[in-house]
């Protein structure tokens, strides 16, 4: 995963990384919202889900203290980051602003 993660977040296309956990209630609320975002942004941006329990090193590297945490990358740079659940429009607006 590690090499693939670095390749993805360093791409020209914005990548929204969703750090989540299976036991997290708000993460479950965010999942269908992110599926809608992925459909709307198809070809323009990628959504990448990272399970913090299975990828603790990655979560630690980005100082993810709570889930869900979303981090928007482009060319390896963090453009935006937030914790908690946002609506689809707010997430799509952030991705569009990054392009």
PDB file of N, CA and C in Angstrom:
ATOM      1  N   UNK A   1       0.826  -1.210   0.000  1.00  0.00           N
ATOM      2  CA  UNK A   1       0.000   0.000   0.000  1.00  0.00           C
ATOM      3  C   UNK A   1       0.859   1.258   0.000  1.00  0.00           C
ATOM      4  N   UNK A   2       1.970   1.226   0.737  1.00  0.00           N
ATOM      5  CA  UNK A   2       2.734   2.450   0.962  1.00  0.00           C
ATOM      6  C   UNK A   2       3.209   3.105  -0.338  1.00  0.00           C
ATOM      7  N   UNK A   3       3.843   2.328  -1.214  1.00  0.00           N
ATOM      8  CA  UNK A   3       4.326   2.888  -2.469  1.00  0.00           C
ATOM      9  C   UNK A   3       3.186   3.403  -3.320  1.00  0.00           C
ATOM     10  N   UNK A   4       2.110   2.642  -3.357  1.00  0.00           N
ATOM     11  CA  UNK A   4       0.934   3.009  -4.112  1.00  0.00           C
ATOM     12  C   UNK A   4       0.324   4.304  -3.565  1.00  0.00           C
ATOM     13  N   UNK A   5       0.254   4.435  -2.241  1.00  0.00           N
ATOM     14  CA  UNK A   5      -0.286   5.639  -1.606  1.00  0.00           C
ATOM     15  C   UNK A   5       0.514   6.860  -2.053  1.00  0.00           C
ATOM     16  N   UNK A   6       1.838   6.772  -1.967  1.00  0.00           N
ATOM     17  CA  UNK A   6       2.688   7.906  -2.353  1.00  0.00           C
ATOM     18  C   UNK A   6       2.509   8.268  -3.814  1.00  0.00           C
ATOM     19  N   UNK A   7       2.401   7.270  -4.674  1.00  0.00           N
ATOM     20  CA  UNK A   7       2.181   7.525  -6.100  1.00  0.00           C
ATOM     21  C   UNK A   7       0.862   8.255  -6.309  1.00  0.00           C
ATOM     22  N   UNK A   8      -0.194   7.789  -5.636  1.00  0.00           N
ATOM     23  CA  UNK A   8      -1.510   8.396  -5.792  1.00  0.00           C
ATOM     24  C   UNK A   8      -1.533   9.849  -5.322  1.00  0.00           C
ATOM     25  N   UNK A   9      -1.024  10.113  -4.110  1.00  0.00           N
ATOM     26  CA  UNK A   9      -1.126  11.481  -3.582  1.00  0.00           C
ATOM     27  C   UNK A   9      -0.179  12.451  -4.276  1.00  0.00           C
ATOM     28  N   UNK A  10       0.797  11.937  -5.003  1.00  0.00           N
ATOM     29  CA  UNK A  10       1.706  12.809  -5.745  1.00  0.00           C
ATOM     30  C   UNK A  10       1.221  13.086  -7.166  1.00  0.00           C
ATOM     31  N   UNK A  11       0.050  12.572  -7.509  1.00  0.00           N
ATOM     32  CA  UNK A  11      -0.434  12.742  -8.880  1.00  0.00           C
ATOM     33  C   UNK A  11      -0.961  14.156  -9.101  1.00  0.00           C
ATOM     34  N   UNK A  12      -1.134  14.459 -10.374  1.00  0.00           N
ATOM     35  CA  UNK A  12      -1.665  15.762 -10.797  1.00  0.00           C
ATOM     36  C   UNK A  12      -3.133  15.896 -10.375  1.00  0.00           C
ATOM     37  N   UNK A  13      -3.822  14.755 -10.368  1.00  0.00           N
ATOM     38  CA  UNK A  13      -5.241  14.735 -10.012  1.00  0.00           C
ATOM     39  C   UNK A  13      -5.393  14.825  -8.484  1.00  0.00           C
ATOM     40  N   UNK A  14      -6.298  15.674  -7.986  1.00  0.00           N
ATOM     41  CA  UNK A  14      -6.518  15.722  -6.536  1.00  0.00           C
ATOM     42  C   UNK A  14      -6.965  14.359  -5.995  1.00  0.00           C
ATOM     43  N   UNK A  15      -6.478  14.021  -4.812  1.00  0.00           N
ATOM     44  CA  UNK A  15      -6.851  12.770  -4.150  1.00  0.00           C
ATOM     45  C   UNK A  15      -7.359  13.106  -2.751  1.00  0.00           C
ATOM     46  N   UNK A  16      -8.598  12.743  -2.481  1.00  0.00           N
ATOM     47  CA  UNK A  16      -9.164  12.940  -1.156  1.00  0.00           C
ATOM     48  C   UNK A  16      -9.000  11.632  -0.392  1.00  0.00           C
ATOM     49  N   UNK A  17      -8.228  11.680   0.679  1.00  0.00           N
ATOM     50  CA  UNK A  17      -7.987  10.491   1.486  1.00  0.00           C
ATOM     51  C   UNK A  17      -8.906  10.546   2.702  1.00  0.00           C
ATOM     52  N   UNK A  18      -9.700   9.499   2.840  1.00  0.00           N
ATOM     53  CA  UNK A  18     -10.615   9.369   3.974  1.00  0.00           C
ATOM     54  C   UNK A  18     -10.001   8.373   4.957  1.00  0.00           C
ATOM     55  N   UNK A  19      -9.510   8.876   6.081  1.00  0.00           N
ATOM     56  CA  UNK A  19      -9.014   8.003   7.143  1.00  0.00           C
ATOM     57  C   UNK A  19     -10.219   7.623   8.000  1.00  0.00           C
ATOM     58  N   UNK A  20     -10.498   6.329   8.076  1.00  0.00           N
ATOM     59  CA  UNK A  20     -11.706   5.859   8.752  1.00  0.00           C
ATOM     60  C   UNK A  20     -11.401   4.624   9.588  1.00  0.00           C
ATOM     61  N   UNK A  21     -12.405   4.186  10.344  1.00  0.00           N
ATOM     62  CA  UNK A  21     -12.327   2.915  11.072  1.00  0.00           C
ATOM     63  C   UNK A  21     -13.682   2.225  10.972  1.00  0.00           C
ATOM     64  N   UNK A  22     -13.655   0.900  10.932  1.00  0.00           N
ATOM     65  CA  UNK A  22     -14.902   0.131  10.802  1.00  0.00           C
ATOM     66  C   UNK A  22     -15.855   0.343  11.984  1.00  0.00           C
ATOM     67  N   UNK A  23     -15.303   0.618  13.159  1.00  0.00           N
ATOM     68  CA  UNK A  23     -16.116   0.764  14.370  1.00  0.00           C
ATOM     69  C   UNK A  23     -16.667   2.185  14.550  1.00  0.00           C
ATOM     70  N   UNK A  24     -16.326   3.088  13.651  1.00  0.00           N
ATOM     71  CA  UNK A  24     -16.642   4.518  13.813  1.00  0.00           C
ATOM     72  C   UNK A  24     -18.003   4.853  13.199  1.00  0.00           C
ATOM     73  N   UNK A  25     -18.937   5.311  14.046  1.00  0.00           N
ATOM     74  CA  UNK A  25     -20.279   5.685  13.591  1.00  0.00           C
ATOM     75  C   UNK A  25     -20.280   6.793  12.551  1.00  0.00           C
ATOM     76  N   UNK A  26     -19.618   7.935  12.834  1.00  0.00           N
ATOM     77  CA  UNK A  26     -19.580   9.014  11.836  1.00  0.00           C
ATOM     78  C   UNK A  26     -18.943   8.578  10.514  1.00  0.00           C
ATOM     79  N   UNK A  27     -17.974   7.647  10.576  1.00  0.00           N
ATOM     80  CA  UNK A  27     -17.354   7.145   9.340  1.00  0.00           C
ATOM     81  C   UNK A  27     -18.389   6.436   8.482  1.00  0.00           C
ATOM     82  N   UNK A  28     -19.285   5.707   9.132  1.00  0.00           N
ATOM     83  CA  UNK A  28     -20.340   4.994   8.403  1.00  0.00           C
ATOM     84  C   UNK A  28     -21.310   5.987   7.773  1.00  0.00           C
ATOM     85  N   UNK A  29     -21.537   7.127   8.439  1.00  0.00           N
ATOM     86  CA  UNK A  29     -22.403   8.170   7.879  1.00  0.00           C
ATOM     87  C   UNK A  29     -21.730   8.832   6.672  1.00  0.00           C
ATOM     88  N   UNK A  30     -20.406   8.960   6.728  1.00  0.00           N
ATOM     89  CA  UNK A  30     -19.660   9.636   5.671  1.00  0.00           C
ATOM     90  C   UNK A  30     -19.517   8.767   4.418  1.00  0.00           C
ATOM     91  N   UNK A  31     -19.482   7.452   4.587  1.00  0.00           N
ATOM     92  CA  UNK A  31     -19.221   6.540   3.459  1.00  0.00           C
ATOM     93  C   UNK A  31     -20.139   6.762   2.260  1.00  0.00           C
ATOM     94  N   UNK A  32     -21.489   6.798   2.433  1.00  0.00           N
ATOM     95  CA  UNK A  32     -22.339   7.015   1.243  1.00  0.00           C
ATOM     96  C   UNK A  32     -22.172   8.415   0.645  1.00  0.00           C
ATOM     97  N   UNK A  33     -21.843   9.390   1.477  1.00  0.00           N
ATOM     98  CA  UNK A  33     -21.598  10.757   0.972  1.00  0.00           C
ATOM     99  C   UNK A  33     -20.379  10.725   0.054  1.00  0.00           C
ATOM    100  N   UNK A  34     -19.315  10.038   0.494  1.00  0.00           N
ATOM    101  CA  UNK A  34     -18.098   9.954  -0.319  1.00  0.00           C
ATOM    102  C   UNK A  34     -18.326   9.148  -1.598  1.00  0.00           C
ATOM    103  N   UNK A  35     -19.230   8.165  -1.549  1.00  0.00           N
ATOM    104  CA  UNK A  35     -19.555   7.423  -2.776  1.00  0.00           C
ATOM    105  C   UNK A  35     -20.202   8.358  -3.791  1.00  0.00           C
ATOM    106  N   UNK A  36     -21.085   9.243  -3.318  1.00  0.00           N
ATOM    107  CA  UNK A  36     -21.713  10.230  -4.210  1.00  0.00           C
ATOM    108  C   UNK A  36     -20.672  11.202  -4.758  1.00  0.00           C
ATOM    109  N   UNK A  37     -19.754  11.635  -3.884  1.00  0.00           N
ATOM    110  CA  UNK A  37     -18.687  12.548  -4.316  1.00  0.00           C
ATOM    111  C   UNK A  37     -17.844  11.864  -5.393  1.00  0.00           C
ATOM    112  N   UNK A  38     -17.494  10.602  -5.171  1.00  0.00           N
ATOM    113  CA  UNK A  38     -16.672   9.858  -6.130  1.00  0.00           C
ATOM    114  C   UNK A  38     -17.360   9.780  -7.496  1.00  0.00           C
ATOM    115  N   UNK A  39     -18.677   9.560  -7.501  1.00  0.00           N
ATOM    116  CA  UNK A  39     -19.420   9.504  -8.767  1.00  0.00           C
ATOM    117  C   UNK A  39     -19.377  10.854  -9.468  1.00  0.00           C
ATOM    118  N   UNK A  40     -19.626  11.917  -8.700  1.00  0.00           N
ATOM    119  CA  UNK A  40     -19.655  13.258  -9.298  1.00  0.00           C
ATOM    120  C   UNK A  40     -18.279  13.695  -9.801  1.00  0.00           C
ATOM    121  N   UNK A  41     -17.225  13.296  -9.098  1.00  0.00           N
ATOM    122  CA  UNK A  41     -15.871  13.742  -9.432  1.00  0.00           C
ATOM    123  C   UNK A  41     -15.111  12.722 -10.285  1.00  0.00           C
ATOM    124  N   UNK A  42     -15.794  11.704 -10.777  1.00  0.00           N
ATOM    125  CA  UNK A  42     -15.145  10.649 -11.574  1.00  0.00           C
ATOM    126  C   UNK A  42     -14.331  11.265 -12.705  1.00  0.00           C
ATOM    127  N   UNK A  43     -13.076  10.864 -12.802  1.00  0.00           N
ATOM    128  CA  UNK A  43     -12.197  11.384 -13.843  1.00  0.00           C
ATOM    129  C   UNK A  43     -11.513  12.688 -13.469  1.00  0.00           C
ATOM    130  N   UNK A  44     -11.998  13.359 -12.426  1.00  0.00           N
ATOM    131  CA  UNK A  44     -11.417  14.644 -12.009  1.00  0.00           C
ATOM    132  C   UNK A  44     -10.623  14.526 -10.713  1.00  0.00           C
ATOM    133  N   UNK A  45     -11.081  13.627  -9.843  1.00  0.00           N
ATOM    134  CA  UNK A  45     -10.420  13.447  -8.545  1.00  0.00           C
ATOM    135  C   UNK A  45     -10.641  12.011  -8.088  1.00  0.00           C
ATOM    136  N   UNK A  46      -9.794  11.577  -7.179  1.00  0.00           N
ATOM    137  CA  UNK A  46      -9.932  10.221  -6.631  1.00  0.00           C
ATOM    138  C   UNK A  46     -10.268  10.292  -5.160  1.00  0.00           C
ATOM    139  N   UNK A  47     -10.997   9.302  -4.704  1.00  0.00           N
ATOM    140  CA  UNK A  47     -11.287   9.146  -3.276  1.00  0.00           C
ATOM    141  C   UNK A  47     -10.559   7.877  -2.841  1.00  0.00           C
ATOM    142  N   UNK A  48      -9.778   7.994  -1.797  1.00  0.00           N
ATOM    143  CA  UNK A  48      -9.014   6.863  -1.291  1.00  0.00           C
ATOM    144  C   UNK A  48      -9.382   6.653   0.167  1.00  0.00           C
ATOM    145  N   UNK A  49      -9.817   5.439   0.505  1.00  0.00           N
ATOM    146  CA  UNK A  49     -10.200   5.145   1.891  1.00  0.00           C
ATOM    147  C   UNK A  49      -9.051   4.403   2.574  1.00  0.00           C
ATOM    148  N   UNK A  50      -8.658   4.885   3.738  1.00  0.00           N
ATOM    149  CA  UNK A  50      -7.577   4.264   4.500  1.00  0.00           C
ATOM    150  C   UNK A  50      -8.108   3.871   5.873  1.00  0.00           C
ATOM    151  N   UNK A  51      -8.082   2.587   6.170  1.00  0.00           N
ATOM    152  CA  UNK A  51      -8.500   2.075   7.480  1.00  0.00           C
ATOM    153  C   UNK A  51      -7.367   2.330   8.469  1.00  0.00           C
ATOM    154  N   UNK A  52      -7.618   3.181   9.464  1.00  0.00           N
ATOM    155  CA  UNK A  52      -6.553   3.565  10.403  1.00  0.00           C
ATOM    156  C   UNK A  52      -6.074   2.384  11.246  1.00  0.00           C
ATOM    157  N   UNK A  53      -6.936   1.410  11.480  1.00  0.00           N
ATOM    158  CA  UNK A  53      -6.519   0.251  12.272  1.00  0.00           C
ATOM    159  C   UNK A  53      -5.547  -0.639  11.491  1.00  0.00           C
ATOM    160  N   UNK A  54      -5.710  -0.684  10.179  1.00  0.00           N
ATOM    161  CA  UNK A  54      -4.834  -1.514   9.346  1.00  0.00           C
ATOM    162  C   UNK A  54      -3.630  -0.734   8.825  1.00  0.00           C
ATOM    163  N   UNK A  55      -3.685   0.574   8.909  1.00  0.00           N
ATOM    164  CA  UNK A  55      -2.613   1.435   8.383  1.00  0.00           C
ATOM    165  C   UNK A  55      -2.186   2.447   9.441  1.00  0.00           C
ATOM    166  N   UNK A  56      -1.817   1.955  10.610  1.00  0.00           N
ATOM    167  CA  UNK A  56      -1.494   2.842  11.730  1.00  0.00           C
ATOM    168  C   UNK A  56      -0.296   3.743  11.440  1.00  0.00           C
ATOM    169  N   UNK A  57       0.670   3.222  10.687  1.00  0.00           N
ATOM    170  CA  UNK A  57       1.855   4.010  10.370  1.00  0.00           C
ATOM    171  C   UNK A  57       1.483   5.230   9.519  1.00  0.00           C
ATOM    172  N   UNK A  58       0.612   5.011   8.547  1.00  0.00           N
ATOM    173  CA  UNK A  58       0.159   6.094   7.672  1.00  0.00           C
ATOM    174  C   UNK A  58      -0.669   7.111   8.463  1.00  0.00           C
ATOM    175  N   UNK A  59      -1.565   6.622   9.313  1.00  0.00           N
ATOM    176  CA  UNK A  59      -2.386   7.508  10.148  1.00  0.00           C
ATOM    177  C   UNK A  59      -1.492   8.351  11.051  1.00  0.00           C
ATOM    178  N   UNK A  60      -0.478   7.728  11.593  1.00  0.00           N
ATOM    179  CA  UNK A  60       0.455   8.430  12.475  1.00  0.00           C
ATOM    180  C   UNK A  60       1.250   9.477  11.695  1.00  0.00           C
ATOM    181  N   UNK A  61       1.680   9.114  10.494  1.00  0.00           N
ATOM    182  CA  UNK A  61       2.467  10.029   9.656  1.00  0.00           C
ATOM    183  C   UNK A  61       1.710  11.328   9.387  1.00  0.00           C
ATOM    184  N   UNK A  62       0.391  11.227   9.230  1.00  0.00           N
ATOM    185  CA  UNK A  62      -0.422  12.418   8.961  1.00  0.00           C
ATOM    186  C   UNK A  62      -1.140  12.919  10.212  1.00  0.00           C
ATOM    187  N   UNK A  63      -0.706  12.422  11.371  1.00  0.00           N
ATOM    188  CA  UNK A  63      -1.230  12.865  12.673  1.00  0.00           C
ATOM    189  C   UNK A  63      -2.752  12.811  12.737  1.00  0.00           C
ATOM    190  N   UNK A  64      -3.294  11.703  12.263  1.00  0.00           N
ATOM    191  CA  UNK A  64      -4.734  11.496  12.335  1.00  0.00           C
ATOM    192  C   UNK A  64      -5.058  11.047  13.758  1.00  0.00           C
ATOM    193  N   UNK A  65      -5.720  11.900  14.498  1.00  0.00           N
ATOM    194  CA  UNK A  65      -6.043  11.620  15.900  1.00  0.00           C
ATOM    195  C   UNK A  65      -7.481  11.126  16.072  1.00  0.00           C
ATOM    196  N   UNK A  66      -8.342  11.535  15.159  1.00  0.00           N
ATOM    197  CA  UNK A  66      -9.749  11.135  15.227  1.00  0.00           C
ATOM    198  C   UNK A  66     -10.234  10.746  13.842  1.00  0.00           C
ATOM    199  N   UNK A  67     -11.255   9.923  13.810  1.00  0.00           N
ATOM    200  CA  UNK A  67     -11.828   9.526  12.528  1.00  0.00           C
ATOM    201  C   UNK A  67     -13.309   9.898  12.502  1.00  0.00           C
ATOM    202  N   UNK A  68     -13.855  10.245  11.373  1.00  0.00           N
ATOM    203  CA  UNK A  68     -13.172  10.330  10.085  1.00  0.00           C
ATOM    204  C   UNK A  68     -12.339  11.614   9.961  1.00  0.00           C
ATOM    205  N   UNK A  69     -11.208  11.478   9.300  1.00  0.00           N
ATOM    206  CA  UNK A  69     -10.394  12.632   8.922  1.00  0.00           C
ATOM    207  C   UNK A  69     -10.192  12.558   7.419  1.00  0.00           C
ATOM    208  N   UNK A  70     -10.471  13.658   6.743  1.00  0.00           N
ATOM    209  CA  UNK A  70     -10.257  13.721   5.295  1.00  0.00           C
ATOM    210  C   UNK A  70      -9.107  14.674   5.022  1.00  0.00           C
ATOM    211  N   UNK A  71      -8.206  14.231   4.140  1.00  0.00           N
ATOM    212  CA  UNK A  71      -7.085  15.075   3.732  1.00  0.00           C
ATOM    213  C   UNK A  71      -7.066  15.090   2.208  1.00  0.00           C
ATOM    214  N   UNK A  72      -7.023  16.289   1.643  1.00  0.00           N
ATOM    215  CA  UNK A  72      -6.998  16.453   0.193  1.00  0.00           C
ATOM    216  C   UNK A  72      -5.569  16.738  -0.258  1.00  0.00           C
ATOM    217  N   UNK A  73      -5.066  15.877  -1.142  1.00  0.00           N
ATOM    218  CA  UNK A  73      -3.708  16.011  -1.663  1.00  0.00           C
ATOM    219  C   UNK A  73      -3.744  16.354  -3.138  1.00  0.00           C
ATOM    220  N   UNK A  74      -2.717  17.061  -3.577  1.00  0.00           N
ATOM    221  CA  UNK A  74      -2.449  17.239  -5.001  1.00  0.00           C
ATOM    222  C   UNK A  74      -0.952  17.452  -5.141  1.00  0.00           C
ATOM    223  N   UNK A  75      -0.335  16.669  -6.014  1.00  0.00           N
ATOM    224  CA  UNK A  75       1.122  16.713  -6.193  1.00  0.00           C
ATOM    225  C   UNK A  75       1.857  16.534  -4.859  1.00  0.00           C
ATOM    226  N   UNK A  76       1.322  15.703  -3.983  1.00  0.00           N
ATOM    227  CA  UNK A  76       1.978  15.413  -2.710  1.00  0.00           C
ATOM    228  C   UNK A  76       1.776  16.458  -1.632  1.00  0.00           C
ATOM    229  N   UNK A  77       1.090  17.527  -1.980  1.00  0.00           N
ATOM    230  CA  UNK A  77       0.874  18.629  -1.042  1.00  0.00           C
ATOM    231  C   UNK A  77      -0.505  18.499  -0.389  1.00  0.00           C
ATOM    232  N   UNK A  78      -0.567  18.794   0.907  1.00  0.00           N
ATOM    233  CA  UNK A  78      -1.862  18.797   1.591  1.00  0.00           C
ATOM    234  C   UNK A  78      -2.523  20.150   1.322  1.00  0.00           C
ATOM    235  N   UNK A  79      -3.664  20.117   0.655  1.00  0.00           N
ATOM    236  CA  UNK A  79      -4.375  21.349   0.314  1.00  0.00           C
ATOM    237  C   UNK A  79      -5.453  21.681   1.337  1.00  0.00           C
ATOM    238  N   UNK A  80      -5.970  20.641   1.982  1.00  0.00           N
ATOM    239  CA  UNK A  80      -7.085  20.841   2.901  1.00  0.00           C
ATOM    240  C   UNK A  80      -7.202  19.620   3.775  1.00  0.00           C
ATOM    241  N   UNK A  81      -7.673  19.835   4.988  1.00  0.00           N
ATOM    242  CA  UNK A  81      -7.853  18.711   5.907  1.00  0.00           C
ATOM    243  C   UNK A  81      -8.956  19.063   6.888  1.00  0.00           C
ATOM    244  N   UNK A  82      -9.751  18.066   7.236  1.00  0.00           N
ATOM    245  CA  UNK A  82     -10.820  18.280   8.199  1.00  0.00           C
ATOM    246  C   UNK A  82     -11.148  16.967   8.895  1.00  0.00           C
ATOM    247  N   UNK A  83     -11.736  17.082  10.049  1.00  0.00           N
ATOM    248  CA  UNK A  83     -12.229  15.902  10.756  1.00  0.00           C
ATOM    249  C   UNK A  83     -13.735  16.022  10.878  1.00  0.00           C
ATOM    250  N   UNK A  84     -14.400  14.872  10.882  1.00  0.00           N
ATOM    251  CA  UNK A  84     -15.856  14.869  11.022  1.00  0.00           C
ATOM    252  C   UNK A  84     -16.545  14.672   9.691  1.00  0.00           C
ATOM    253  N   UNK A  85     -17.869  14.753   9.747  1.00  0.00           N
ATOM    254  CA  UNK A  85     -18.706  14.500   8.568  1.00  0.00           C
ATOM    255  C   UNK A  85     -19.099  15.829   7.933  1.00  0.00           C
ATOM    256  N   UNK A  86     -18.902  15.926   6.635  1.00  0.00           N
ATOM    257  CA  UNK A  86     -19.348  17.100   5.877  1.00  0.00           C
ATOM    258  C   UNK A  86     -20.358  16.630   4.844  1.00  0.00           C
ATOM    259  N   UNK A  87     -21.173  17.567   4.345  1.00  0.00           N
ATOM    260  CA  UNK A  87     -22.100  17.179   3.288  1.00  0.00           C
ATOM    261  C   UNK A  87     -21.382  17.144   1.939  1.00  0.00           C
ATOM    262  N   UNK A  88     -22.054  16.545   0.971  1.00  0.00           N
ATOM    263  CA  UNK A  88     -21.456  16.337  -0.353  1.00  0.00           C
ATOM    264  C   UNK A  88     -21.007  17.651  -0.985  1.00  0.00           C
ATOM    265  N   UNK A  89     -21.847  18.664  -0.926  1.00  0.00           N
ATOM    266  CA  UNK A  89     -21.518  19.937  -1.564  1.00  0.00           C
ATOM    267  C   UNK A  89     -20.228  20.527  -1.001  1.00  0.00           C
ATOM    268  N   UNK A  90     -20.072  20.497   0.314  1.00  0.00           N
ATOM    269  CA  UNK A  90     -18.875  21.059   0.948  1.00  0.00           C
ATOM    270  C   UNK A  90     -17.618  20.324   0.465  1.00  0.00           C
ATOM    271  N   UNK A  91     -17.706  18.999   0.370  1.00  0.00           N
ATOM    272  CA  UNK A  91     -16.547  18.205  -0.065  1.00  0.00           C
ATOM    273  C   UNK A  91     -16.245  18.461  -1.547  1.00  0.00           C
ATOM    274  N   UNK A  92     -17.267  18.468  -2.379  1.00  0.00           N
ATOM    275  CA  UNK A  92     -17.075  18.718  -3.821  1.00  0.00           C
ATOM    276  C   UNK A  92     -16.490  20.123  -4.028  1.00  0.00           C
ATOM    277  N   UNK A  93     -16.976  21.109  -3.293  1.00  0.00           N
ATOM    278  CA  UNK A  93     -16.447  22.480  -3.412  1.00  0.00           C
ATOM    279  C   UNK A  93     -14.956  22.515  -3.078  1.00  0.00           C
ATOM    280  N   UNK A  94     -14.549  21.811  -2.032  1.00  0.00           N
ATOM    281  CA  UNK A  94     -13.126  21.795  -1.644  1.00  0.00           C
ATOM    282  C   UNK A  94     -12.276  21.157  -2.727  1.00  0.00           C
ATOM    283  N   UNK A  95     -12.784  20.058  -3.298  1.00  0.00           N
ATOM    284  CA  UNK A  95     -12.027  19.393  -4.369  1.00  0.00           C
ATOM    285  C   UNK A  95     -11.942  20.307  -5.603  1.00  0.00           C
ATOM    286  N   UNK A  96     -13.050  20.936  -5.963  1.00  0.00           N
ATOM    287  CA  UNK A  96     -13.059  21.829  -7.123  1.00  0.00           C
ATOM    288  C   UNK A  96     -12.097  22.992  -6.923  1.00  0.00           C
ATOM    289  N   UNK A  97     -12.007  23.503  -5.710  1.00  0.00           N
ATOM    290  CA  UNK A  97     -11.090  24.605  -5.411  1.00  0.00           C
ATOM    291  C   UNK A  97      -9.631  24.176  -5.565  1.00  0.00           C
ATOM    292  N   UNK A  98      -9.365  22.887  -5.452  1.00  0.00           N
ATOM    293  CA  UNK A  98      -7.994  22.374  -5.529  1.00  0.00           C
ATOM    294  C   UNK A  98      -7.541  22.170  -6.978  1.00  0.00           C
ATOM    295  N   UNK A  99      -8.463  22.243  -7.906  1.00  0.00           N
ATOM    296  CA  UNK A  99      -8.108  21.925  -9.292  1.00  0.00           C
ATOM    297  C   UNK A  99      -7.627  23.132 -10.061  1.00  0.00           C
TER     298      UNK A  99
END
